[in-house]
Amino acid sequence: MNRSKFTWSLLGALAVLGLGAAALARTQAPSDPIVPPGTPTWSYLCFTSDSAKEVMEKANRAGAQGWEMVSAAPGENGAIWCFRQPKWARPLPQE
């Protein structure tokens, strides 16, 4: 095999391997993105209610568990109330 054919064959093989590796990398995205150290991550809890009494009961329960309210907005079935807490504060579910 002459040098020109060998070079083109090698370049073709490398191109095929590169395309295959790129396709494989796209299909194996991590389930959780890598978060830089010191960056807070949050768990969220949202509920809807149109009764002030129900909102106070649920909000007090959430607050007792360490949740803090971050937003409230009108929704289709009453207001939507959202709370957050650091992910490290929630125990991981047992499997």
N, C-alpha and C. Protein backbone atom coordinates (compact mmCIF):
# COMPACT_ATOMS: atom_id res chain seq x y z
N MET A 1 0.85 -1.17 0.00
CA MET A 1 0.00 0.00 0.00
C MET A 1 0.90 1.23 0.00
N ASN A 2 0.59 2.19 -0.87
CA ASN A 2 1.45 3.36 -0.89
C ASN A 2 1.07 4.32 0.24
N ARG A 3 1.92 5.28 0.46
CA ARG A 3 1.79 6.19 1.59
C ARG A 3 0.49 7.00 1.52
N SER A 4 0.07 7.45 0.35
CA SER A 4 -1.13 8.25 0.18
C SER A 4 -2.38 7.46 0.56
N LYS A 5 -2.49 6.22 0.09
CA LYS A 5 -3.65 5.39 0.43
C LYS A 5 -3.69 5.11 1.92
N PHE A 6 -2.53 4.84 2.51
CA PHE A 6 -2.46 4.56 3.94
C PHE A 6 -2.91 5.79 4.75
N THR A 7 -2.44 6.96 4.36
CA THR A 7 -2.81 8.20 5.06
C THR A 7 -4.31 8.43 4.99
N TRP A 8 -4.89 8.29 3.80
CA TRP A 8 -6.33 8.50 3.65
C TRP A 8 -7.13 7.44 4.41
N SER A 9 -6.66 6.21 4.43
CA SER A 9 -7.34 5.15 5.18
C SER A 9 -7.30 5.45 6.67
N LEU A 10 -6.16 5.89 7.15
CA LEU A 10 -6.01 6.23 8.57
C LEU A 10 -6.91 7.40 8.94
N LEU A 11 -6.91 8.44 8.11
CA LEU A 11 -7.78 9.60 8.38
C LEU A 11 -9.26 9.21 8.37
N GLY A 12 -9.65 8.35 7.44
CA GLY A 12 -11.04 7.88 7.39
C GLY A 12 -11.41 7.10 8.63
N ALA A 13 -10.53 6.21 9.08
CA ALA A 13 -10.79 5.42 10.28
C ALA A 13 -10.90 6.31 11.50
N LEU A 14 -10.03 7.30 11.62
CA LEU A 14 -10.09 8.22 12.75
C LEU A 14 -11.38 9.04 12.73
N ALA A 15 -11.82 9.46 11.55
CA ALA A 15 -13.06 10.22 11.43
C ALA A 15 -14.25 9.38 11.88
N VAL A 16 -14.30 8.11 11.47
CA VAL A 16 -15.40 7.22 11.87
C VAL A 16 -15.37 7.01 13.38
N LEU A 17 -14.20 6.78 13.95
CA LEU A 17 -14.09 6.61 15.40
C LEU A 17 -14.50 7.88 16.14
N GLY A 18 -14.11 9.03 15.62
CA GLY A 18 -14.48 10.29 16.25
C GLY A 18 -15.98 10.53 16.24
N LEU A 19 -16.61 10.25 15.12
CA LEU A 19 -18.07 10.41 15.04
C LEU A 19 -18.78 9.44 15.96
N GLY A 20 -18.28 8.23 16.05
CA GLY A 20 -18.89 7.24 16.95
C GLY A 20 -18.74 7.65 18.40
N ALA A 21 -17.59 8.17 18.77
CA ALA A 21 -17.36 8.61 20.15
C ALA A 21 -18.25 9.81 20.48
N ALA A 22 -18.42 10.72 19.54
CA ALA A 22 -19.28 11.89 19.77
C ALA A 22 -20.73 11.47 19.96
N ALA A 23 -21.20 10.51 19.16
CA ALA A 23 -22.58 10.02 19.30
C ALA A 23 -22.76 9.32 20.64
N LEU A 24 -21.78 8.55 21.06
CA LEU A 24 -21.85 7.85 22.34
C LEU A 24 -21.87 8.84 23.49
N ALA A 25 -21.08 9.89 23.41
CA ALA A 25 -21.04 10.90 24.48
C ALA A 25 -22.39 11.61 24.61
N ARG A 26 -23.08 11.84 23.49
CA ARG A 26 -24.39 12.50 23.55
C ARG A 26 -25.43 11.61 24.19
N THR A 27 -25.34 10.30 24.03
CA THR A 27 -26.36 9.40 24.58
C THR A 27 -26.10 9.07 26.03
N GLN A 28 -24.92 9.37 26.56
CA GLN A 28 -24.60 9.03 27.93
C GLN A 28 -24.48 10.28 28.80
N ALA A 29 -25.45 11.17 28.70
CA ALA A 29 -25.44 12.38 29.53
C ALA A 29 -25.66 11.98 30.98
N PRO A 30 -24.99 12.66 31.92
CA PRO A 30 -25.16 12.31 33.33
C PRO A 30 -26.59 12.60 33.79
N SER A 31 -27.09 11.78 34.72
CA SER A 31 -28.45 11.97 35.22
C SER A 31 -28.55 13.23 36.06
N ASP A 32 -27.52 13.57 36.80
CA ASP A 32 -27.49 14.80 37.57
C ASP A 32 -26.31 15.63 37.07
N PRO A 33 -26.56 16.90 36.72
CA PRO A 33 -25.45 17.72 36.27
C PRO A 33 -24.46 17.93 37.41
N ILE A 34 -23.22 18.12 37.07
CA ILE A 34 -22.19 18.36 38.07
C ILE A 34 -22.32 19.80 38.55
N VAL A 35 -22.45 19.97 39.85
CA VAL A 35 -22.64 21.29 40.44
C VAL A 35 -21.32 21.71 41.08
N PRO A 36 -20.84 22.91 40.76
CA PRO A 36 -19.59 23.37 41.37
C PRO A 36 -19.71 23.44 42.89
N PRO A 37 -18.61 23.18 43.61
CA PRO A 37 -18.65 23.26 45.07
C PRO A 37 -19.11 24.63 45.54
N GLY A 38 -19.90 24.66 46.58
CA GLY A 38 -20.38 25.91 47.13
C GLY A 38 -21.64 26.43 46.47
N THR A 39 -22.10 25.78 45.40
CA THR A 39 -23.33 26.20 44.72
C THR A 39 -24.52 25.55 45.42
N PRO A 40 -25.48 26.35 45.92
CA PRO A 40 -26.62 25.73 46.60
C PRO A 40 -27.53 25.03 45.60
N THR A 41 -28.03 23.88 45.99
CA THR A 41 -29.04 23.16 45.21
C THR A 41 -30.27 23.02 46.09
N TRP A 42 -31.43 23.04 45.48
CA TRP A 42 -32.67 23.12 46.24
C TRP A 42 -33.64 22.01 45.88
N SER A 43 -34.46 21.64 46.85
CA SER A 43 -35.65 20.81 46.64
C SER A 43 -36.83 21.76 46.70
N TYR A 44 -37.85 21.50 45.89
CA TYR A 44 -39.02 22.40 45.86
C TYR A 44 -40.29 21.65 46.23
N LEU A 45 -41.19 22.36 46.87
CA LEU A 45 -42.50 21.85 47.26
C LEU A 45 -43.52 22.90 46.86
N CYS A 46 -44.48 22.54 46.02
CA CYS A 46 -45.53 23.47 45.60
C CYS A 46 -46.89 22.83 45.80
N PHE A 47 -47.87 23.64 46.15
CA PHE A 47 -49.24 23.15 46.27
C PHE A 47 -50.21 24.26 45.89
N THR A 48 -51.42 23.87 45.54
CA THR A 48 -52.46 24.85 45.22
C THR A 48 -53.51 24.83 46.31
N SER A 49 -54.13 25.98 46.51
CA SER A 49 -55.21 26.08 47.49
C SER A 49 -55.98 27.36 47.24
N ASP A 50 -57.28 27.31 47.51
CA ASP A 50 -58.07 28.53 47.42
C ASP A 50 -58.64 28.91 48.78
N SER A 51 -58.23 28.19 49.83
CA SER A 51 -58.71 28.45 51.18
C SER A 51 -57.55 28.96 52.04
N ALA A 52 -57.73 30.10 52.68
CA ALA A 52 -56.67 30.65 53.53
C ALA A 52 -56.34 29.70 54.68
N LYS A 53 -57.34 29.04 55.23
CA LYS A 53 -57.12 28.11 56.33
C LYS A 53 -56.23 26.94 55.88
N GLU A 54 -56.52 26.39 54.70
CA GLU A 54 -55.73 25.28 54.18
C GLU A 54 -54.29 25.73 53.89
N VAL A 55 -54.13 26.93 53.34
CA VAL A 55 -52.79 27.45 53.05
C VAL A 55 -51.99 27.58 54.35
N MET A 56 -52.61 28.13 55.38
CA MET A 56 -51.88 28.29 56.65
C MET A 56 -51.50 26.95 57.26
N GLU A 57 -52.39 25.97 57.18
CA GLU A 57 -52.08 24.65 57.73
C GLU A 57 -50.90 24.02 56.98
N LYS A 58 -50.97 24.04 55.65
CA LYS A 58 -49.90 23.44 54.84
C LYS A 58 -48.59 24.21 54.99
N ALA A 59 -48.67 25.55 55.01
CA ALA A 59 -47.47 26.37 55.14
C ALA A 59 -46.81 26.16 56.51
N ASN A 60 -47.61 26.06 57.56
CA ASN A 60 -47.05 25.82 58.88
C ASN A 60 -46.39 24.44 58.96
N ARG A 61 -47.02 23.44 58.34
CA ARG A 61 -46.43 22.10 58.31
C ARG A 61 -45.09 22.11 57.55
N ALA A 62 -45.08 22.80 56.40
CA ALA A 62 -43.86 22.88 55.61
C ALA A 62 -42.78 23.64 56.38
N GLY A 63 -43.14 24.73 57.01
CA GLY A 63 -42.16 25.51 57.79
C GLY A 63 -41.57 24.71 58.93
N ALA A 64 -42.38 23.88 59.58
CA ALA A 64 -41.88 23.04 60.67
C ALA A 64 -40.88 22.01 60.18
N GLN A 65 -40.93 21.68 58.88
CA GLN A 65 -39.99 20.71 58.28
C GLN A 65 -38.79 21.41 57.64
N GLY A 66 -38.69 22.74 57.80
CA GLY A 66 -37.53 23.46 57.27
C GLY A 66 -37.72 24.08 55.90
N TRP A 67 -38.94 24.04 55.34
CA TRP A 67 -39.18 24.65 54.03
C TRP A 67 -39.37 26.15 54.22
N GLU A 68 -38.91 26.94 53.25
CA GLU A 68 -39.16 28.38 53.27
C GLU A 68 -39.93 28.76 52.02
N MET A 69 -40.90 29.67 52.19
CA MET A 69 -41.73 30.07 51.06
C MET A 69 -40.92 30.97 50.13
N VAL A 70 -41.03 30.70 48.82
CA VAL A 70 -40.30 31.50 47.84
C VAL A 70 -41.21 32.20 46.85
N SER A 71 -42.45 31.70 46.67
CA SER A 71 -43.34 32.40 45.74
C SER A 71 -44.78 31.96 45.94
N ALA A 72 -45.66 32.83 45.48
CA ALA A 72 -47.09 32.54 45.41
C ALA A 72 -47.61 33.23 44.16
N ALA A 73 -48.51 32.56 43.45
CA ALA A 73 -49.04 33.14 42.22
C ALA A 73 -50.44 32.60 41.98
N PRO A 74 -51.28 33.36 41.27
CA PRO A 74 -52.60 32.84 40.95
C PRO A 74 -52.49 31.66 40.00
N GLY A 75 -53.36 30.68 40.19
CA GLY A 75 -53.37 29.50 39.33
C GLY A 75 -54.79 29.17 38.91
N GLU A 76 -54.97 28.09 38.15
CA GLU A 76 -56.29 27.69 37.67
C GLU A 76 -57.20 27.22 38.80
N ASN A 77 -56.63 26.53 39.79
CA ASN A 77 -57.42 25.97 40.90
C ASN A 77 -57.06 26.65 42.22
N GLY A 78 -57.01 27.96 42.23
CA GLY A 78 -56.59 28.69 43.42
C GLY A 78 -55.15 29.14 43.26
N ALA A 79 -54.59 29.67 44.32
CA ALA A 79 -53.21 30.15 44.28
C ALA A 79 -52.23 28.99 44.35
N ILE A 80 -51.06 29.17 43.76
CA ILE A 80 -49.98 28.19 43.81
C ILE A 80 -48.95 28.73 44.79
N TRP A 81 -48.60 27.93 45.77
CA TRP A 81 -47.65 28.31 46.82
C TRP A 81 -46.42 27.42 46.68
N CYS A 82 -45.23 28.02 46.59
CA CYS A 82 -44.00 27.23 46.42
C CYS A 82 -43.02 27.51 47.55
N PHE A 83 -42.38 26.45 47.99
CA PHE A 83 -41.40 26.49 49.07
C PHE A 83 -40.13 25.81 48.58
N ARG A 84 -39.01 26.12 49.24
CA ARG A 84 -37.75 25.45 48.91
C ARG A 84 -36.99 25.15 50.20
N GLN A 85 -36.05 24.21 50.07
CA GLN A 85 -35.12 23.93 51.16
C GLN A 85 -33.87 23.32 50.54
N PRO A 86 -32.72 23.50 51.17
CA PRO A 86 -31.50 22.93 50.60
C PRO A 86 -31.62 21.42 50.44
N LYS A 87 -31.08 20.90 49.32
CA LYS A 87 -31.16 19.46 49.08
C LYS A 87 -30.51 18.66 50.19
N TRP A 88 -29.45 19.20 50.80
CA TRP A 88 -28.78 18.44 51.85
C TRP A 88 -29.68 18.25 53.07
N ALA A 89 -30.73 19.05 53.20
CA ALA A 89 -31.62 18.95 54.36
C ALA A 89 -32.64 17.81 54.22
N ARG A 90 -32.84 17.31 52.98
CA ARG A 90 -33.81 16.24 52.75
C ARG A 90 -33.09 14.90 52.72
N PRO A 91 -33.52 13.95 53.51
CA PRO A 91 -32.89 12.62 53.42
C PRO A 91 -33.19 11.97 52.08
N LEU A 92 -32.23 11.21 51.57
CA LEU A 92 -32.45 10.48 50.32
C LEU A 92 -33.47 9.37 50.54
N PRO A 93 -34.35 9.14 49.56
CA PRO A 93 -35.34 8.06 49.71
C PRO A 93 -34.66 6.70 49.81
N GLN A 94 -35.18 5.87 50.67
CA GLN A 94 -34.65 4.52 50.85
C GLN A 94 -35.20 3.61 49.76
N GLU A 95 -34.33 2.81 49.15
CA GLU A 95 -34.79 1.90 48.08
C GLU A 95 -34.88 0.50 48.59
